[in-house]
């Protein structure tokens, strides 16, 4: 009985099964996370904090209790992820505790207990840790994982673009320091300070400083052009990699459907596997139905005798 309950809790929290309970659990936790982020933002407004301090505190206590219970249940139920032959309970629990989501779940509740143990802690620092709860939403959406995987798959192109950024930063900063350092020593006192100005110019489009010399003006123009070019390169690399990642997942899912339909019947295990793959890849029902329809249509055409 206890093992069955543990398995059920694991399936619901992990989303490995797609039933009403799992969906409601996902929506409830995601809603509380969003409400937490909104509360933290509103709480930073001094007037609202004074007026609703008690309400904010009660909601935070409720959230901590909920997220603490979720963390404990995940640690407990992750024992069901692997069989005894594949590592058993300890492997599953260790994998969760030291995973990205395990750290997010832990540090999402840690500020409350830290404040109880050390009342003098800076509330602003604790608020930053509380904001980490927003990353809990990435468990129900594959956007961050897709972006990380996209950058990883195109790491050579991404590394090349970052190398160009580093070279241009060193070169332009050194030249601007030479051209403007003696004219504006309070702004460009050293090459590292000038590099800071360069990075701000790349990011925002203006480093909040106007050059004095003609050579400085030319260098600023070159910096602006480099900023546009590098931003376009990085954006193009990430966008292309992200698109490729989505197409790769669709291709993998299509391959799995073809294998499942090879005998003309999708068994219960195959349907469960496809459902898990759909959830893992974050694919919509429309995408899945379109792929399945295409595979079935190809099989029907292949089964038809030649007109001759």
Protein backbone atom coordinates (compact mmCIF):
# COMPACT_ATOMS: atom_id res chain seq x y z
CA UNK A 1 0.00 0.00 0.00
CA UNK A 2 2.76 2.43 0.95
CA UNK A 3 4.74 1.58 -2.17
CA UNK A 4 1.67 2.17 -4.34
CA UNK A 5 1.10 5.55 -2.69
CA UNK A 6 4.75 6.49 -3.18
CA UNK A 7 4.57 5.54 -6.84
CA UNK A 8 1.39 7.55 -7.32
CA UNK A 9 2.87 10.64 -5.67
CA UNK A 10 5.95 10.35 -7.89
CA UNK A 11 3.82 10.10 -11.03
CA UNK A 12 1.64 13.07 -10.08
CA UNK A 13 4.52 15.37 -9.03
CA UNK A 14 6.78 14.36 -11.89
CA UNK A 15 3.97 14.54 -14.47
CA UNK A 16 4.87 11.11 -15.86
CA UNK A 17 1.17 10.35 -16.18
CA UNK A 18 -1.32 12.73 -17.75
CA UNK A 19 -4.52 12.46 -15.79
CA UNK A 20 -6.74 14.93 -13.96
CA UNK A 21 -4.82 14.74 -10.67
CA UNK A 22 -1.46 15.37 -12.30
CA UNK A 23 -2.82 18.28 -14.33
CA UNK A 24 -4.51 19.90 -11.31
CA UNK A 25 -1.32 19.51 -9.26
CA UNK A 26 0.71 21.17 -12.01
CA UNK A 27 -1.75 24.07 -12.36
CA UNK A 28 -1.97 24.58 -8.59
CA UNK A 29 1.80 24.67 -8.00
CA UNK A 30 2.37 26.91 -11.03
CA UNK A 31 -0.35 29.30 -9.83
CA UNK A 32 1.17 29.52 -6.34
CA UNK A 33 4.60 30.20 -7.86
CA UNK A 34 3.24 33.04 -10.00
CA UNK A 35 1.35 34.45 -7.00
CA UNK A 36 4.60 34.33 -4.99
CA UNK A 37 6.51 36.30 -7.58
CA UNK A 38 3.73 38.91 -7.78
CA UNK A 39 3.64 39.13 -3.96
CA UNK A 40 7.42 39.61 -3.75
CA UNK A 41 7.25 42.40 -6.33
CA UNK A 42 4.34 44.15 -4.59
CA UNK A 43 5.95 43.69 -1.19
CA UNK A 44 8.94 45.74 -2.34
CA UNK A 45 6.59 48.75 -2.53
CA UNK A 46 6.97 50.32 0.91
CA UNK A 47 3.38 51.56 1.23
CA UNK A 48 1.91 48.19 0.23
CA UNK A 49 4.28 46.37 2.55
CA UNK A 50 3.18 48.44 5.53
CA UNK A 51 -0.51 48.13 4.70
CA UNK A 52 -0.59 44.39 3.96
CA UNK A 53 2.42 43.17 5.92
CA UNK A 54 0.41 40.59 7.83
CA UNK A 55 -1.25 39.26 4.66
CA UNK A 56 2.12 39.00 2.90
CA UNK A 57 3.55 37.13 5.88
CA UNK A 58 0.64 34.68 6.03
CA UNK A 59 0.87 33.99 2.31
CA UNK A 60 4.61 33.44 2.57
CA UNK A 61 4.09 30.97 5.44
CA UNK A 62 1.49 29.11 3.37
CA UNK A 63 3.84 29.01 0.39
CA UNK A 64 6.77 27.79 2.47
CA UNK A 65 4.62 25.05 4.00
CA UNK A 66 3.42 23.99 0.54
CA UNK A 67 6.86 24.05 -1.11
CA UNK A 68 8.47 22.33 1.88
CA UNK A 69 5.88 19.55 1.70
CA UNK A 70 6.47 19.30 -2.06
CA UNK A 71 10.23 19.04 -1.52
CA UNK A 72 9.88 16.32 1.12
CA UNK A 73 7.40 14.37 -1.02
CA UNK A 74 9.66 14.58 -4.04
CA UNK A 75 12.67 13.34 -2.07
CA UNK A 76 10.57 10.51 -0.65
CA UNK A 77 8.81 9.51 -3.88
CA UNK A 78 11.88 9.71 -6.12
CA UNK A 79 12.81 6.34 -4.62
CA UNK A 80 10.41 4.92 -7.22
CA UNK A 81 12.27 6.30 -10.22
CA UNK A 82 14.75 3.43 -10.43
CA UNK A 83 14.37 -0.23 -9.69
CA UNK A 84 16.67 -2.03 -7.25
CA UNK A 85 18.70 -3.37 -10.20
CA UNK A 86 19.31 0.15 -11.56
CA UNK A 87 20.42 1.82 -8.36
CA UNK A 88 17.30 1.77 -6.23
CA UNK A 89 15.88 4.46 -3.95
CA UNK A 90 19.17 6.21 -3.14
CA UNK A 91 19.98 6.82 -6.80
CA UNK A 92 16.61 8.44 -7.46
CA UNK A 93 16.74 10.62 -4.35
CA UNK A 94 20.33 11.68 -4.93
CA UNK A 95 19.54 12.53 -8.55
CA UNK A 96 16.69 14.83 -7.47
CA UNK A 97 18.45 16.47 -4.49
CA UNK A 98 21.51 17.44 -6.55
CA UNK A 99 19.60 18.32 -9.72
CA UNK A 100 18.81 21.82 -10.94
CA UNK A 101 15.19 21.55 -9.82
CA UNK A 102 16.25 20.06 -6.50
CA UNK A 103 18.39 23.11 -5.76
CA UNK A 104 15.61 25.44 -6.89
CA UNK A 105 13.08 23.70 -4.63
CA UNK A 106 15.51 23.80 -1.71
CA UNK A 107 16.59 27.43 -2.04
CA UNK A 108 12.98 28.47 -2.72
CA UNK A 109 12.11 27.69 0.90
CA UNK A 110 15.50 28.23 2.55
CA UNK A 111 15.05 32.03 3.12
CA UNK A 112 12.13 31.49 5.50
CA UNK A 113 14.03 29.06 7.71
CA UNK A 114 17.22 31.12 7.46
CA UNK A 115 15.34 34.17 8.73
CA UNK A 116 14.05 32.15 11.69
CA UNK A 117 17.55 30.97 12.57
CA UNK A 118 19.28 34.29 11.81
CA UNK A 119 16.80 37.16 12.33
CA UNK A 120 19.35 39.79 11.34
CA UNK A 121 19.78 38.63 7.75
CA UNK A 122 19.37 41.20 4.97
CA UNK A 123 15.79 40.92 3.70
CA UNK A 124 16.83 42.06 0.24
CA UNK A 125 19.16 39.08 -0.10
CA UNK A 126 16.41 36.75 1.11
CA UNK A 127 14.01 38.26 -1.40
CA UNK A 128 16.41 37.34 -4.21
CA UNK A 129 16.38 33.72 -3.07
CA UNK A 130 12.59 33.80 -2.86
CA UNK A 131 12.45 35.04 -6.45
CA UNK A 132 14.23 31.84 -7.46
CA UNK A 133 10.84 30.17 -7.08
CA UNK A 134 10.02 31.45 -10.55
CA UNK A 135 12.39 28.79 -11.93
CA UNK A 136 10.01 26.14 -10.59
CA UNK A 137 7.82 26.97 -13.56
CA UNK A 138 10.50 25.68 -15.93
CA UNK A 139 9.65 22.19 -14.65
CA UNK A 140 6.33 22.50 -16.51
CA UNK A 141 7.75 24.22 -19.57
CA UNK A 142 10.74 23.09 -21.62
CA UNK A 143 11.73 26.59 -22.81
CA UNK A 144 14.84 26.88 -20.60
CA UNK A 145 15.90 23.32 -21.38
CA UNK A 146 15.36 23.94 -25.09
CA UNK A 147 17.46 27.10 -24.97
CA UNK A 148 20.27 25.39 -23.05
CA UNK A 149 20.23 22.43 -25.42
CA UNK A 150 20.20 24.76 -28.42
CA UNK A 151 23.25 26.66 -27.18
CA UNK A 152 24.99 23.39 -26.36
CA UNK A 153 24.35 21.99 -29.84
CA UNK A 154 25.72 25.16 -31.44
CA UNK A 155 28.48 25.72 -28.88
CA UNK A 156 31.17 26.07 -31.58
CA UNK A 157 29.34 28.92 -33.33
CA UNK A 158 28.37 30.48 -30.00
CA UNK A 159 31.96 30.26 -28.74
CA UNK A 160 33.23 31.88 -31.95
CA UNK A 161 30.79 34.77 -31.54
CA UNK A 162 31.82 35.24 -27.90
CA UNK A 163 35.48 35.17 -28.95
CA UNK A 164 34.82 37.94 -31.46
CA UNK A 165 33.12 39.92 -28.70
CA UNK A 166 36.16 39.48 -26.43
CA UNK A 167 38.63 40.52 -29.13
CA UNK A 168 36.60 43.57 -30.10
CA UNK A 169 36.21 44.51 -26.42
CA UNK A 170 39.96 44.38 -25.77
CA UNK A 171 40.87 46.17 -28.99
CA UNK A 172 38.28 48.95 -28.89
CA UNK A 173 38.70 49.56 -25.16
CA UNK A 174 42.45 49.90 -25.50
CA UNK A 175 42.15 52.31 -28.45
CA UNK A 176 39.48 54.43 -26.74
CA UNK A 177 41.62 54.57 -23.58
CA UNK A 178 44.53 55.82 -25.67
CA UNK A 179 42.35 58.38 -27.49
CA UNK A 180 40.20 59.61 -24.58
CA UNK A 181 42.06 58.63 -21.40
CA UNK A 182 44.03 61.88 -21.11
CA UNK A 183 41.03 63.99 -22.14
CA UNK A 184 38.48 62.37 -19.80
CA UNK A 185 40.55 60.72 -17.04
CA UNK A 186 37.54 60.57 -14.70
CA UNK A 187 35.61 58.48 -17.25
CA UNK A 188 38.43 56.42 -18.79
CA UNK A 189 40.99 56.10 -15.97
CA UNK A 190 42.15 52.65 -17.11
CA UNK A 191 41.58 49.96 -19.71
CA UNK A 192 39.36 47.86 -17.37
CA UNK A 193 37.16 50.93 -16.75
CA UNK A 194 37.00 51.50 -20.51
CA UNK A 195 36.03 47.86 -21.02
CA UNK A 196 33.11 48.46 -18.68
CA UNK A 197 32.05 51.39 -20.86
CA UNK A 198 32.38 49.18 -23.96
CA UNK A 199 30.19 46.43 -22.49
CA UNK A 200 27.54 48.98 -21.48
CA UNK A 201 27.64 50.41 -25.00
CA UNK A 202 27.24 46.94 -26.53
CA UNK A 203 24.30 46.09 -24.27
CA UNK A 204 22.40 49.38 -24.13
CA UNK A 205 23.60 51.13 -27.29
CA UNK A 206 25.12 54.06 -25.37
CA UNK A 207 27.74 54.06 -22.64
CA UNK A 208 26.48 57.35 -21.14
CA UNK A 209 29.68 59.13 -22.24
CA UNK A 210 30.30 61.25 -25.33
CA UNK A 211 33.79 61.22 -26.88
CA UNK A 212 35.77 64.45 -27.11
CA UNK A 213 38.36 63.74 -29.79
CA UNK A 214 37.65 63.00 -33.46
CA UNK A 215 39.43 59.67 -33.14
CA UNK A 216 37.20 58.88 -30.16
CA UNK A 217 34.08 59.64 -32.22
CA UNK A 218 35.27 57.29 -34.98
CA UNK A 219 35.94 54.56 -32.41
CA UNK A 220 32.48 54.99 -30.89
CA UNK A 221 30.90 54.65 -34.32
CA UNK A 222 32.91 51.47 -34.92
CA UNK A 223 31.82 50.20 -31.49
CA UNK A 224 28.16 50.82 -32.34
CA UNK A 225 28.51 48.95 -35.64
CA UNK A 226 30.24 46.06 -33.85
CA UNK A 227 27.46 46.01 -31.27
CA UNK A 228 24.82 45.64 -33.97
CA UNK A 229 26.82 43.01 -35.84
CA UNK A 230 27.62 40.92 -32.76
CA UNK A 231 24.03 41.12 -31.51
CA UNK A 232 22.82 39.94 -34.93
CA UNK A 233 25.34 37.07 -34.95
CA UNK A 234 24.45 35.88 -31.44
CA UNK A 235 20.72 36.21 -32.10
CA UNK A 236 21.03 34.31 -35.37
CA UNK A 237 23.06 31.51 -33.78
CA UNK A 238 20.62 31.04 -30.91
CA UNK A 239 17.52 31.33 -33.14
CA UNK A 240 18.87 28.82 -35.66
CA UNK A 241 19.91 26.40 -32.92
CA UNK A 242 16.53 26.71 -31.21
CA UNK A 243 14.65 26.02 -34.44
CA UNK A 244 16.90 23.04 -35.15
CA UNK A 245 16.27 21.72 -31.65
CA UNK A 246 12.48 21.88 -32.12
CA UNK A 247 12.71 20.11 -35.50
CA UNK A 248 15.00 17.47 -33.99
CA UNK A 249 12.47 16.71 -31.27
CA UNK A 250 9.66 16.46 -33.80
CA UNK A 251 11.80 14.06 -35.84
CA UNK A 252 12.49 11.90 -32.77
CA UNK A 253 8.79 11.82 -31.90
CA UNK A 254 7.88 10.94 -35.48
CA UNK A 255 10.39 8.07 -35.42
CA UNK A 256 8.84 6.75 -32.21
CA UNK A 257 5.35 6.89 -33.73
CA UNK A 258 6.54 5.04 -36.83
CA UNK A 259 8.04 2.30 -34.66
CA UNK A 260 4.85 2.08 -32.60
CA UNK A 261 2.68 1.84 -35.73
CA UNK A 262 4.97 -0.68 -37.44
CA UNK A 263 2.62 -3.54 -36.49
CA UNK A 264 -0.49 -1.39 -36.98
CA UNK A 265 -1.36 -1.32 -33.27
CA UNK A 266 -0.25 1.00 -30.48
CA UNK A 267 -0.09 -0.95 -27.24
CA UNK A 268 -0.66 0.51 -23.79
CA UNK A 269 3.08 0.64 -23.06
CA UNK A 270 3.78 2.32 -26.38
CA UNK A 271 1.02 4.88 -25.78
CA UNK A 272 2.42 5.62 -22.32
CA UNK A 273 5.92 6.03 -23.75
CA UNK A 274 4.66 8.42 -26.45
CA UNK A 275 2.75 10.42 -23.83
CA UNK A 276 5.87 10.77 -21.69
CA UNK A 277 7.89 11.81 -24.73
CA UNK A 278 5.26 14.38 -25.63
CA UNK A 279 5.41 15.86 -22.11
CA UNK A 280 9.23 15.83 -22.10
CA UNK A 281 9.44 17.64 -25.44
CA UNK A 282 6.64 20.08 -24.55
CA UNK A 283 4.74 19.28 -27.73
CA UNK A 284 1.16 20.40 -28.21
CA UNK A 285 -1.75 18.13 -29.09
CA UNK A 286 -1.92 19.76 -32.52
CA UNK A 287 1.72 18.90 -33.27
CA UNK A 288 1.29 15.31 -32.09
CA UNK A 289 -1.94 14.82 -34.06
CA UNK A 290 -0.38 16.28 -37.20
CA UNK A 291 2.62 13.93 -36.98
CA UNK A 292 0.42 10.91 -36.26
CA UNK A 293 -1.91 11.77 -39.16
CA UNK A 294 1.04 12.15 -41.52
CA UNK A 295 2.49 8.77 -40.50
CA UNK A 296 -0.89 7.03 -40.89
CA UNK A 297 -1.41 8.61 -44.30
CA UNK A 298 2.02 7.43 -45.48
CA UNK A 299 1.28 3.91 -44.24
CA UNK A 300 -2.04 3.85 -46.11
CA UNK A 301 -0.38 5.04 -49.33
CA UNK A 302 2.36 2.45 -48.94
CA UNK A 303 -0.22 -0.29 -48.43
CA UNK A 304 -2.17 0.58 -51.60
CA UNK A 305 -1.38 -1.58 -54.69
CA UNK A 306 0.19 0.07 -57.71
CA UNK A 307 -2.24 1.38 -60.29
CA UNK A 308 -0.56 -0.72 -62.93
